[in-house]
Amino acid sequence: MKLSYVLALVLSLSSLTANSQSVKTSSQQNADQLKVLFVLTSHDEMGNTGEKTGFWLEEFAAPYYTLLDKGVKITVASPRGGKAPIDPRSKAEASQTDATRRFNKDKEVQEIIHNTVKLEDVKAEDFDAVFYPGGHGPLWDLVENETSVALIEAFNNQEKPMAFVCHAPAVLKNVKDENSQLLIKGKKVTGFSNTEEEAAQLTNVVPFLLEDMLKENGGIYSKAPKWTVNVVRDGNLITGQNPASSEKAAENLYQLLK
């Protein structure tokens, strides 16, 4: 009787020790998990055209799944919080990719897009990197958004990786570095080109042309033929030219995090 009791006690203690170690390991993994903040637009009006805009689906879906599949924890925020608008044109069949098709079947991530965190409630110190997808929406609500500007400046001052795709580099317009100089001055950058904006027939609709702004603010701008992949990295700053560049931009971001 005594022997069986001792054996049972030993087995019980071993089980408790194993469970404790498992909990510690799990907690350590959660602590070590990379955390990336995605910032989306809340703006859905294409100037005065009466047409809708928002963020471009591929520019969110491709980097989101690229990072998610590598075990990264992602938080999605927007200026107003709540539902972030998707540009209707990015949902057209001609704009579909493997990533967008995956998004269309993914109820969990769709719910995340419908319930984004308010931008003012996030802090750079809580994340390892930040990713801004484009679409035309950011041209209207994120460029002059003081919360966004301060957030990017905080990420930069903490020397954390930052990625901006397609029209998203526009949000760097008013961002300054630790010396109070324009962040993109003297930096190698890319973004949606004038030829691509012309091809989209929105040259006279957008508040400013991104390529022109990047050059005027001192950026060393380069571009590839329209719609082709082009990602430029300068230090902790990553910029992608167009939707096709979004996955590669995410891969570059992840490389900086490793």
Protein backbone atom coordinates (compact mmCIF):
# COMPACT_ATOMS: atom_id res chain seq x y z
CA MET A 1 0.00 0.00 0.00
CA LYS A 2 2.77 2.38 1.04
CA LEU A 3 4.84 1.58 -2.07
CA SER A 4 1.92 2.22 -4.43
CA TYR A 5 1.21 5.49 -2.63
CA VAL A 6 4.82 6.64 -3.03
CA LEU A 7 4.83 5.70 -6.72
CA ALA A 8 1.58 7.61 -7.26
CA LEU A 9 3.01 10.62 -5.47
CA VAL A 10 6.20 10.54 -7.56
CA LEU A 11 4.23 10.30 -10.79
CA SER A 12 1.98 13.16 -9.71
CA LEU A 13 4.94 15.41 -8.87
CA SER A 14 6.61 14.54 -12.20
CA SER A 15 3.44 15.50 -14.04
CA LEU A 16 3.23 18.81 -12.17
CA THR A 17 6.88 19.57 -12.96
CA ALA A 18 6.38 18.78 -16.65
CA ASN A 19 3.27 20.96 -16.82
CA SER A 20 5.11 23.80 -15.07
CA GLN A 21 7.97 23.56 -17.56
CA SER A 22 5.48 23.52 -20.43
CA VAL A 23 3.78 26.67 -19.14
CA LYS A 24 7.16 28.40 -18.76
CA THR A 25 8.19 27.39 -22.27
CA SER A 26 4.88 28.64 -23.68
CA SER A 27 5.22 31.93 -21.81
CA GLN A 28 8.79 32.34 -23.06
CA GLN A 29 7.67 31.67 -26.66
CA ASN A 30 4.94 34.31 -26.31
CA ALA A 31 7.47 36.78 -24.92
CA ASP A 32 9.88 36.05 -27.78
CA GLN A 33 7.23 36.21 -30.52
CA LEU A 34 7.86 39.00 -32.99
CA LYS A 35 5.16 41.67 -33.01
CA VAL A 36 4.40 43.82 -36.05
CA LEU A 37 1.92 46.68 -36.28
CA PHE A 38 -0.03 47.19 -39.52
CA VAL A 39 -1.51 50.65 -40.08
CA LEU A 40 -4.43 51.01 -42.51
CA THR A 41 -6.35 54.02 -43.77
CA SER A 42 -9.82 54.95 -42.54
CA HIS A 43 -10.53 57.11 -45.60
CA ASP A 44 -12.92 55.81 -48.28
CA GLU A 45 -13.62 58.78 -50.59
CA MET A 46 -11.61 59.22 -53.82
CA GLY A 47 -11.35 63.00 -53.69
CA ASN A 48 -14.43 64.65 -55.19
CA THR A 49 -15.07 61.93 -57.77
CA GLY A 50 -17.85 60.25 -55.82
CA GLU A 51 -15.94 56.98 -56.11
CA LYS A 52 -14.74 54.89 -53.20
CA THR A 53 -11.19 54.11 -52.15
CA GLY A 54 -9.44 52.72 -49.06
CA PHE A 55 -6.50 50.38 -48.67
CA TRP A 56 -5.43 48.11 -51.53
CA LEU A 57 -6.26 44.52 -50.60
CA GLU A 58 -3.14 42.84 -52.03
CA GLU A 59 -0.92 45.32 -50.19
CA PHE A 60 -2.42 44.16 -46.91
CA ALA A 61 -3.03 40.47 -47.61
CA ALA A 62 0.35 39.57 -49.14
CA PRO A 63 2.52 41.00 -46.34
CA TYR A 64 0.03 39.96 -43.65
CA TYR A 65 0.17 36.28 -44.59
CA THR A 66 3.90 36.42 -45.35
CA LEU A 67 4.55 37.47 -41.76
CA LEU A 68 1.74 35.48 -40.14
CA ASP A 69 3.03 32.25 -41.67
CA LYS A 70 6.41 32.95 -40.07
CA GLY A 71 4.83 33.10 -36.63
CA VAL A 72 4.66 36.88 -36.30
CA LYS A 73 1.93 38.35 -34.11
CA ILE A 74 0.14 41.13 -36.01
CA THR A 75 -1.97 44.00 -34.71
CA VAL A 76 -3.97 46.09 -37.18
CA ALA A 77 -4.74 49.75 -36.47
CA SER A 78 -6.31 52.69 -38.32
CA PRO A 79 -6.89 56.38 -37.51
CA ARG A 80 -10.52 55.96 -36.53
CA GLY A 81 -10.39 52.33 -35.45
CA GLY A 82 -13.18 49.93 -36.34
CA LYS A 83 -13.79 48.94 -39.97
CA ALA A 84 -11.02 49.82 -42.40
CA PRO A 85 -12.30 50.36 -45.98
CA ILE A 86 -11.03 48.19 -48.82
CA ASP A 87 -10.67 49.88 -52.21
CA PRO A 88 -13.40 48.24 -54.35
CA ARG A 89 -11.11 48.08 -57.37
CA SER A 90 -8.69 45.87 -55.44
CA LYS A 91 -11.46 43.31 -55.05
CA ALA A 92 -11.99 43.03 -58.81
CA GLU A 93 -11.09 39.69 -60.39
CA ALA A 94 -8.19 41.22 -62.34
CA SER A 95 -6.58 42.28 -59.05
CA GLN A 96 -6.83 38.91 -57.32
CA THR A 97 -3.76 37.01 -56.12
CA ASP A 98 -3.24 33.91 -54.00
CA ALA A 99 -3.05 36.15 -50.92
CA THR A 100 -6.29 38.02 -51.67
CA ARG A 101 -8.11 34.77 -52.40
CA ARG A 102 -6.92 33.47 -49.06
CA PHE A 103 -8.18 36.66 -47.41
CA ASN A 104 -11.59 36.25 -49.07
CA LYS A 105 -11.96 32.85 -47.35
CA ASP A 106 -10.46 33.92 -44.05
CA LYS A 107 -13.29 35.00 -41.74
CA GLU A 108 -10.89 35.55 -38.84
CA VAL A 109 -8.77 38.17 -40.60
CA GLN A 110 -11.87 39.78 -42.12
CA GLU A 111 -13.11 40.25 -38.57
CA ILE A 112 -9.81 41.92 -37.69
CA ILE A 113 -10.26 44.37 -40.58
CA HIS A 114 -13.75 45.17 -39.29
CA ASN A 115 -12.43 45.85 -35.79
CA THR A 116 -9.09 47.61 -36.16
CA VAL A 117 -7.47 49.20 -33.13
CA LYS A 118 -7.57 52.99 -32.88
CA LEU A 119 -4.20 54.41 -33.92
CA GLU A 120 -3.92 56.64 -30.86
CA ASP A 121 -4.08 53.54 -28.65
CA VAL A 122 -0.89 51.91 -29.96
CA LYS A 123 2.73 52.62 -29.02
CA ALA A 124 5.93 51.89 -30.92
CA GLU A 125 7.58 50.34 -27.86
CA ASP A 126 5.02 47.53 -27.91
CA PHE A 127 6.10 46.33 -31.37
CA ASP A 128 9.21 45.19 -33.20
CA ALA A 129 8.30 46.78 -36.55
CA VAL A 130 5.58 48.62 -38.46
CA PHE A 131 4.07 48.04 -41.92
CA TYR A 132 1.92 50.55 -43.82
CA PRO A 133 -0.04 49.10 -46.78
CA GLY A 134 -1.09 51.59 -49.44
CA GLY A 135 -4.11 52.27 -51.55
CA HIS A 136 -5.14 55.86 -52.26
CA GLY A 137 -6.84 56.32 -48.89
CA PRO A 138 -3.65 57.20 -46.95
CA LEU A 139 -3.11 60.23 -49.20
CA TRP A 140 -6.09 61.87 -47.52
CA ASP A 141 -6.03 60.77 -43.88
CA LEU A 142 -2.57 59.53 -42.87
CA VAL A 143 -0.25 62.07 -44.47
CA GLU A 144 -1.27 64.90 -42.13
CA ASN A 145 -2.22 62.68 -39.21
CA GLU A 146 -0.11 63.82 -36.25
CA THR A 147 -0.57 60.53 -34.41
CA SER A 148 0.77 58.60 -37.39
CA VAL A 149 3.69 61.00 -37.85
CA ALA A 150 4.65 60.70 -34.16
CA LEU A 151 4.30 56.92 -34.29
CA ILE A 152 6.64 56.60 -37.28
CA GLU A 153 9.13 58.95 -35.67
CA ALA A 154 9.05 56.79 -32.53
CA PHE A 155 9.69 53.60 -34.52
CA ASN A 156 12.57 55.31 -36.31
CA ASN A 157 14.10 56.72 -33.11
CA GLN A 158 13.97 53.20 -31.66
CA GLU A 159 15.75 51.97 -34.83
CA LYS A 160 12.99 49.50 -35.63
CA PRO A 161 12.20 48.27 -39.17
CA MET A 162 9.51 50.24 -41.05
CA ALA A 163 7.90 49.32 -44.38
CA PHE A 164 5.67 51.41 -46.65
CA VAL A 165 4.17 50.11 -49.89
CA CYS A 166 2.75 51.75 -53.01
CA HIS A 167 1.04 55.00 -51.88
CA ALA A 168 1.95 54.45 -48.23
CA PRO A 169 5.36 56.19 -48.54
CA ALA A 170 3.24 59.36 -48.78
CA VAL A 171 2.78 59.17 -45.00
CA LEU A 172 6.49 59.98 -44.65
CA LYS A 173 5.92 63.48 -46.05
CA ASN A 174 6.03 65.22 -42.67
CA VAL A 175 8.06 62.68 -40.70
CA LYS A 176 11.34 63.91 -39.24
CA ASP A 177 14.39 62.11 -37.91
CA GLU A 178 16.10 62.50 -34.55
CA ASN A 179 17.83 65.65 -35.86
CA SER A 180 14.51 67.27 -36.86
CA GLN A 181 15.34 66.80 -40.55
CA LEU A 182 12.90 65.26 -43.01
CA LEU A 183 13.31 61.52 -42.63
CA ILE A 184 13.44 60.75 -46.34
CA LYS A 185 16.02 63.42 -47.13
CA GLY A 186 19.04 61.64 -48.57
CA LYS A 187 17.37 58.22 -48.22
CA LYS A 188 16.92 55.76 -51.07
CA VAL A 189 13.18 55.35 -51.59
CA THR A 190 10.52 54.27 -54.05
CA GLY A 191 6.74 54.48 -54.25
CA PHE A 192 3.87 54.60 -56.72
CA SER A 193 5.30 56.26 -59.81
CA ASN A 194 3.86 59.10 -61.89
CA THR A 195 3.54 56.70 -64.84
CA GLU A 196 1.53 54.29 -62.69
CA GLU A 197 -0.71 57.09 -61.43
CA GLU A 198 -1.27 58.16 -65.02
CA ALA A 199 -2.10 54.59 -66.01
CA ALA A 200 -4.63 54.52 -63.16
CA GLN A 201 -6.11 57.76 -64.59
CA LEU A 202 -5.89 59.48 -61.20
CA THR A 203 -3.15 62.03 -61.81
CA ASN A 204 -5.60 64.92 -61.49
CA VAL A 205 -7.53 63.39 -58.60
CA VAL A 206 -4.87 62.71 -55.98
CA PRO A 207 -3.86 65.59 -53.65
CA PHE A 208 -0.24 65.24 -54.81
CA LEU A 209 1.89 62.91 -56.88
CA LEU A 210 3.90 60.63 -54.64
CA GLU A 211 6.96 60.43 -56.88
CA ASP A 212 7.17 64.23 -57.02
CA MET A 213 6.80 64.59 -53.25
CA LEU A 214 9.51 62.05 -52.48
CA LYS A 215 11.92 63.88 -54.77
CA GLU A 216 10.97 67.32 -53.45
CA ASN A 217 11.56 66.17 -49.87
CA GLY A 218 15.08 65.08 -50.76
CA GLY A 219 14.51 61.38 -51.25
CA ILE A 220 16.74 59.50 -53.69
CA TYR A 221 13.85 58.13 -55.69
CA SER A 222 14.10 55.19 -58.08
CA LYS A 223 11.47 53.23 -59.96
CA ALA A 224 11.05 50.15 -62.11
CA PRO A 225 8.76 49.76 -65.13
CA LYS A 226 5.14 50.12 -64.01
CA TRP A 227 3.53 47.24 -62.12
CA THR A 228 6.82 45.36 -61.69
CA VAL A 229 8.33 44.40 -58.34
CA ASN A 230 10.62 47.03 -56.86
CA VAL A 231 11.62 47.24 -53.21
CA VAL A 232 14.23 49.64 -51.85
CA ARG A 233 15.87 49.33 -48.45
CA ASP A 234 17.91 52.05 -46.77
CA GLY A 235 18.82 51.23 -43.19
CA ASN A 236 15.63 50.45 -41.28
CA LEU A 237 13.45 52.04 -44.00
CA ILE A 238 11.80 49.80 -46.60
CA THR A 239 9.67 51.12 -49.45
CA GLY A 240 7.84 49.23 -52.19
CA GLN A 241 6.71 50.74 -55.49
CA ASN A 242 3.34 49.10 -56.09
CA PRO A 243 1.01 46.25 -55.08
CA ALA A 244 3.26 43.64 -56.67
CA SER A 245 6.07 44.77 -54.35
CA SER A 246 4.18 44.20 -51.10
CA GLU A 247 5.21 40.58 -50.47
CA LYS A 248 8.88 41.30 -51.09
CA ALA A 249 8.67 44.34 -48.80
CA ALA A 250 7.36 42.07 -46.03
CA GLU A 251 10.15 39.59 -46.66
CA ASN A 252 12.68 42.43 -46.32
CA LEU A 253 11.03 43.53 -43.10
CA TYR A 254 11.26 40.02 -41.69
CA GLN A 255 14.92 39.77 -42.63
CA LEU A 256 15.63 42.87 -40.54
CA LEU A 257 13.79 41.31 -37.61
CA LYS A 258 15.74 38.05 -37.60
